Protein backbone atom coordinates (compact mmCIF):
# COMPACT_ATOMS: atom_id res chain seq x y z
CA MET A 1 0.00 0.00 0.00
CA LYS A 2 2.79 2.41 0.91
CA ASN A 3 4.56 1.75 -2.38
CA SER A 4 1.30 2.27 -4.29
CA ILE A 5 0.73 5.63 -2.62
CA LEU A 6 4.28 6.72 -3.38
CA PHE A 7 3.85 5.66 -6.99
CA ILE A 8 0.60 7.65 -7.35
CA VAL A 9 2.24 10.74 -5.81
CA PHE A 10 5.21 10.40 -8.16
CA VAL A 11 3.00 10.08 -11.23
CA SER A 12 0.91 13.08 -10.13
CA LEU A 13 3.97 15.29 -9.61
CA THR A 14 5.43 14.19 -12.95
CA THR A 15 2.18 15.08 -14.70
CA ILE A 16 2.13 18.52 -13.07
CA MET A 17 5.77 19.22 -13.90
CA PHE A 18 5.97 17.77 -17.41
CA GLY A 19 2.41 17.47 -18.63
CA GLN A 20 2.73 20.76 -20.50
CA VAL A 21 5.22 21.94 -23.10
CA TYR A 22 7.84 24.54 -22.21
CA GLU A 23 9.99 26.64 -24.52
CA ILE A 24 13.24 28.54 -24.19
CA GLY A 25 14.78 30.66 -26.88
CA VAL A 26 16.90 33.56 -28.01
CA SER A 27 16.11 36.36 -30.46
CA LEU A 28 18.39 38.48 -32.59
CA GLY A 29 17.30 41.53 -34.52
CA GLY A 30 17.18 45.29 -34.47
CA THR A 31 15.63 48.16 -32.55
CA ASN A 32 14.38 51.59 -33.45
CA TYR A 33 12.65 54.38 -31.60
CA VAL A 34 10.03 57.05 -32.31
CA GLY A 35 10.16 60.27 -30.35
CA ASP A 36 11.49 63.82 -30.64
CA VAL A 37 14.67 63.08 -32.63
CA GLY A 38 15.15 61.54 -36.07
CA ARG A 39 12.81 59.36 -38.10
CA THR A 40 9.22 58.51 -37.21
CA ASN A 41 9.04 55.05 -38.84
CA TYR A 42 7.61 52.48 -36.45
CA ILE A 43 9.44 49.58 -38.12
CA TYR A 44 12.95 50.70 -39.06
CA PRO A 45 15.49 48.60 -37.10
CA ASN A 46 18.87 50.31 -37.01
CA GLN A 47 20.59 48.99 -33.85
CA LEU A 48 21.60 45.38 -33.18
CA ALA A 49 19.62 43.97 -30.23
CA GLY A 50 18.54 40.68 -28.70
CA ASN A 51 16.71 38.86 -25.94
CA ALA A 52 16.27 35.54 -24.15
CA PHE A 53 12.88 34.15 -23.15
CA PHE A 54 10.96 31.34 -21.47
CA LYS A 55 7.42 30.27 -22.35
CA TYR A 56 4.80 28.07 -20.75
CA ASN A 57 2.19 26.77 -23.19
CA TYR A 58 -1.04 26.76 -21.22
CA ASN A 59 -2.99 25.30 -24.14
CA PRO A 60 -2.69 25.25 -27.97
CA ARG A 61 -3.88 28.88 -28.16
CA ILE A 62 -2.38 30.52 -25.06
CA ALA A 63 1.27 30.80 -23.94
CA PHE A 64 2.70 32.82 -21.05
CA LYS A 65 6.07 34.42 -21.73
CA GLY A 66 8.90 36.06 -19.79
CA THR A 67 11.66 37.95 -21.63
CA LEU A 68 14.99 39.64 -20.81
CA SER A 69 16.02 42.12 -23.50
CA TYR A 70 19.03 44.26 -24.42
CA LEU A 71 17.76 47.09 -26.67
CA PRO A 72 20.07 49.92 -27.79
CA ILE A 73 18.32 52.82 -29.52
CA LYS A 74 19.48 55.85 -31.47
CA GLY A 75 18.09 58.75 -33.46
CA ASN A 76 19.52 61.34 -35.83
CA ASP A 77 17.77 64.44 -37.13
CA LYS A 78 19.63 64.28 -40.44
CA ASN A 79 17.46 61.25 -41.28
CA ALA A 80 14.18 62.95 -40.27
CA ASP A 81 11.30 63.69 -42.61
CA THR A 82 10.64 67.27 -41.38
CA ASP A 83 12.62 70.43 -42.10
CA PHE A 84 12.44 71.42 -38.41
CA ARG A 85 14.36 68.34 -37.30
CA ARG A 86 16.84 68.34 -40.18
CA ASN A 87 17.67 71.99 -39.49
CA ARG A 88 17.97 71.34 -35.74
CA GLY A 89 20.52 68.55 -36.30
CA LEU A 90 20.35 66.63 -33.00
CA ASN A 91 21.32 62.99 -32.45
CA PHE A 92 21.47 60.60 -29.47
CA THR A 93 22.14 57.04 -28.37
CA ASN A 94 20.71 55.23 -25.35
CA THR A 95 20.54 51.66 -24.04
CA ILE A 96 17.40 50.01 -22.70
CA ASN A 97 17.49 46.92 -20.49
CA GLU A 98 14.05 45.35 -20.18
CA ILE A 99 12.14 42.63 -18.32
CA ALA A 100 8.72 41.76 -19.74
CA LEU A 101 5.92 39.37 -18.78
CA GLY A 102 2.94 38.67 -20.98
CA MET A 103 0.78 36.36 -23.03
CA GLU A 104 0.86 35.07 -26.59
CA PHE A 105 -2.42 34.30 -28.32
CA ASN A 106 -2.14 31.95 -31.31
CA PHE A 107 -4.57 32.42 -34.19
CA TYR A 108 -4.44 28.64 -34.79
CA GLU A 109 -3.80 25.77 -32.40
CA TYR A 110 -0.05 25.25 -32.04
CA ASP A 111 1.68 22.02 -30.96
CA ILE A 112 4.90 20.92 -32.67
CA SER A 113 4.46 17.36 -31.34
CA SER A 114 1.49 17.04 -33.71
CA GLU A 115 1.58 16.69 -37.48
CA ASP A 116 -0.88 19.40 -38.42
CA LYS A 117 -0.53 22.17 -35.80
CA THR A 118 3.05 23.21 -36.39
CA TRP A 119 2.66 26.87 -37.39
CA THR A 120 0.58 29.91 -36.55
CA PRO A 121 0.54 33.70 -36.55
CA TYR A 122 0.11 35.21 -33.09
CA ILE A 123 -0.29 38.41 -31.12
CA LEU A 124 1.61 39.29 -27.95
CA ILE A 125 0.51 41.53 -25.07
CA GLU A 126 2.97 42.31 -22.24
CA LEU A 127 3.85 44.59 -19.36
CA ALA A 128 7.50 45.63 -19.29
CA VAL A 129 9.86 47.23 -16.79
CA PHE A 130 12.86 48.92 -18.38
CA ASN A 131 15.92 50.90 -17.35
CA TYR A 132 17.62 53.66 -19.35
CA SER A 133 19.72 56.82 -19.09
CA TYR A 134 18.21 60.29 -18.86
CA ILE A 135 19.29 63.87 -18.13
CA ARG A 136 18.71 64.38 -14.42
CA GLU A 137 19.59 68.07 -14.47
CA GLN A 138 21.39 70.77 -16.40
CA THR A 139 23.90 73.12 -14.85
CA THR A 140 23.74 76.86 -15.37
CA ALA A 141 26.69 76.42 -17.70
CA GLY A 142 24.55 74.15 -19.90
CA GLU A 143 26.22 70.87 -18.90
CA ASP A 144 24.02 67.76 -18.89
CA ILE A 145 24.17 65.51 -15.80
CA PHE A 146 23.02 61.96 -16.60
CA ASP A 147 21.45 59.33 -14.36
CA LYS A 148 19.53 56.03 -14.64
CA LYS A 149 15.75 55.69 -14.49
CA THR A 150 13.36 52.71 -14.30
CA SER A 151 9.91 52.92 -15.85
CA PHE A 152 7.09 50.89 -17.44
CA ALA A 153 6.07 50.17 -21.01
CA LEU A 154 3.15 48.42 -22.70
CA PRO A 155 4.49 46.15 -25.48
CA ILE A 156 2.18 44.83 -28.18
CA GLY A 157 3.57 42.45 -30.76
CA LEU A 158 2.76 40.51 -33.92
CA GLY A 159 4.56 37.39 -35.02
CA PHE A 160 4.65 34.09 -36.88
CA LYS A 161 6.10 30.84 -35.51
CA SER A 162 6.64 27.42 -37.02
CA LYS A 163 8.35 24.11 -36.34
CA LEU A 164 11.88 23.95 -37.70
CA SER A 165 13.09 20.40 -36.99
CA GLY A 166 12.61 17.99 -34.09
CA ASN A 167 12.16 20.02 -30.91
CA PHE A 168 13.29 23.25 -32.58
CA ALA A 169 11.07 26.02 -33.93
CA PHE A 170 11.55 29.59 -35.13
CA SER A 171 9.56 32.80 -35.02
CA ILE A 172 9.58 36.21 -36.68
CA GLU A 173 8.28 39.00 -34.46
CA SER A 174 7.85 42.77 -34.16
CA LYS A 175 7.09 44.39 -30.79
CA PHE A 176 6.01 48.00 -30.25
CA ARG A 177 6.53 49.50 -26.77
CA TYR A 178 4.56 52.53 -25.69
CA THR A 179 6.33 54.17 -22.76
CA PHE A 180 5.12 56.62 -20.12
CA GLU A 181 8.28 58.69 -20.59
CA ASP A 182 9.31 61.49 -22.94
CA ASP A 183 13.07 61.55 -22.36
CA LEU A 184 14.50 58.38 -23.93
CA ASP A 185 16.14 60.79 -26.38
CA TYR A 186 17.13 63.13 -23.46
CA LEU A 187 14.66 65.78 -24.65
CA THR A 188 11.83 67.17 -22.53
CA GLU A 189 10.15 70.53 -22.15
CA ASP A 190 12.47 71.16 -19.19
CA ASN A 191 15.64 71.01 -21.30
CA LEU A 192 17.14 74.46 -21.61
CA ASN A 193 19.45 73.74 -24.50
CA TYR A 194 17.20 72.16 -27.13
CA ASN A 195 14.11 72.98 -29.16
CA ILE A 196 11.46 70.28 -29.46
CA GLU A 197 8.20 69.91 -31.36
CA GLY A 198 5.22 68.28 -29.67
CA ASN A 199 5.07 66.63 -26.27
CA SER A 200 4.15 62.98 -26.90
CA ASN A 201 5.68 60.03 -25.06
CA ASP A 202 8.41 57.95 -26.69
CA TRP A 203 8.14 54.51 -28.30
CA TYR A 204 10.78 51.85 -28.88
CA MET A 205 10.48 48.77 -31.09
CA PHE A 206 12.19 45.43 -31.70
CA THR A 207 12.01 43.32 -34.86
CA GLY A 208 13.82 40.01 -34.99
CA VAL A 209 14.06 36.26 -35.54
CA SER A 210 13.98 33.71 -32.70
CA LEU A 211 15.34 30.18 -32.34
CA ILE A 212 13.15 28.17 -29.95
CA TYR A 213 13.75 24.85 -28.18
CA THR A 214 10.70 22.95 -26.89
CA PHE A 215 10.95 20.49 -24.00
CA GLY A 216 8.67 18.51 -21.69
CA ARG A 217 6.30 15.76 -22.68
CA PRO A 218 3.87 16.20 -25.58
CA ALA A 219 1.22 18.59 -24.39
CA CYS A 220 -1.75 17.45 -22.34
CA TYR A 221 -3.36 20.84 -22.35
CA THR A 222 -5.83 22.41 -20.00
CA GLN A 223 -9.15 22.73 -21.76
CA GLY A 224 -10.58 26.13 -22.51
CA PHE A 225 -10.21 29.12 -24.77
């Protein structure tokens, strides 16, 4: 009897731990930003960037995802599409380090252990915490004093994923982050040294390709959705 109970407990724990499919992966691609300096194209990657992620596939339509990202950004007024910015001639670089948690929703059921559910487009909704440099203050002599700041962003993404071979898959994805900050480019209405147009918050984007490894037993998904 004791051995039977231990066996049942072991099987139950194994089912909980491995009854779903998990994924880990890395992405490589490019970033761009939209704000008060340079171009205003929402997909125009111009800085090499990347991330690492972990996913838990709740069912064939829903996956929960955590991501660590390294996202340099830059802007240059000489590439802008307005005379005001080209004449102003500002440029900047900054580096964003980000942690994001969110959910992927697959348009079709996705399960690479099957024969007919091995690809799907998807949408991604996340909440992100990110860290970046900003101008904390300006001296009376016009010198900028920099510091680090942590803030929040709301990333929304579109992508396509498909089985590659065996336990490996790939995805192509673009994510758009709306921030609650207006100084990723170091420009705000409080800056004494620079002219700006408008007062909207900044965006930053990532577009890239991911290599994904799937592990755990073939999925025994929770019903629903």
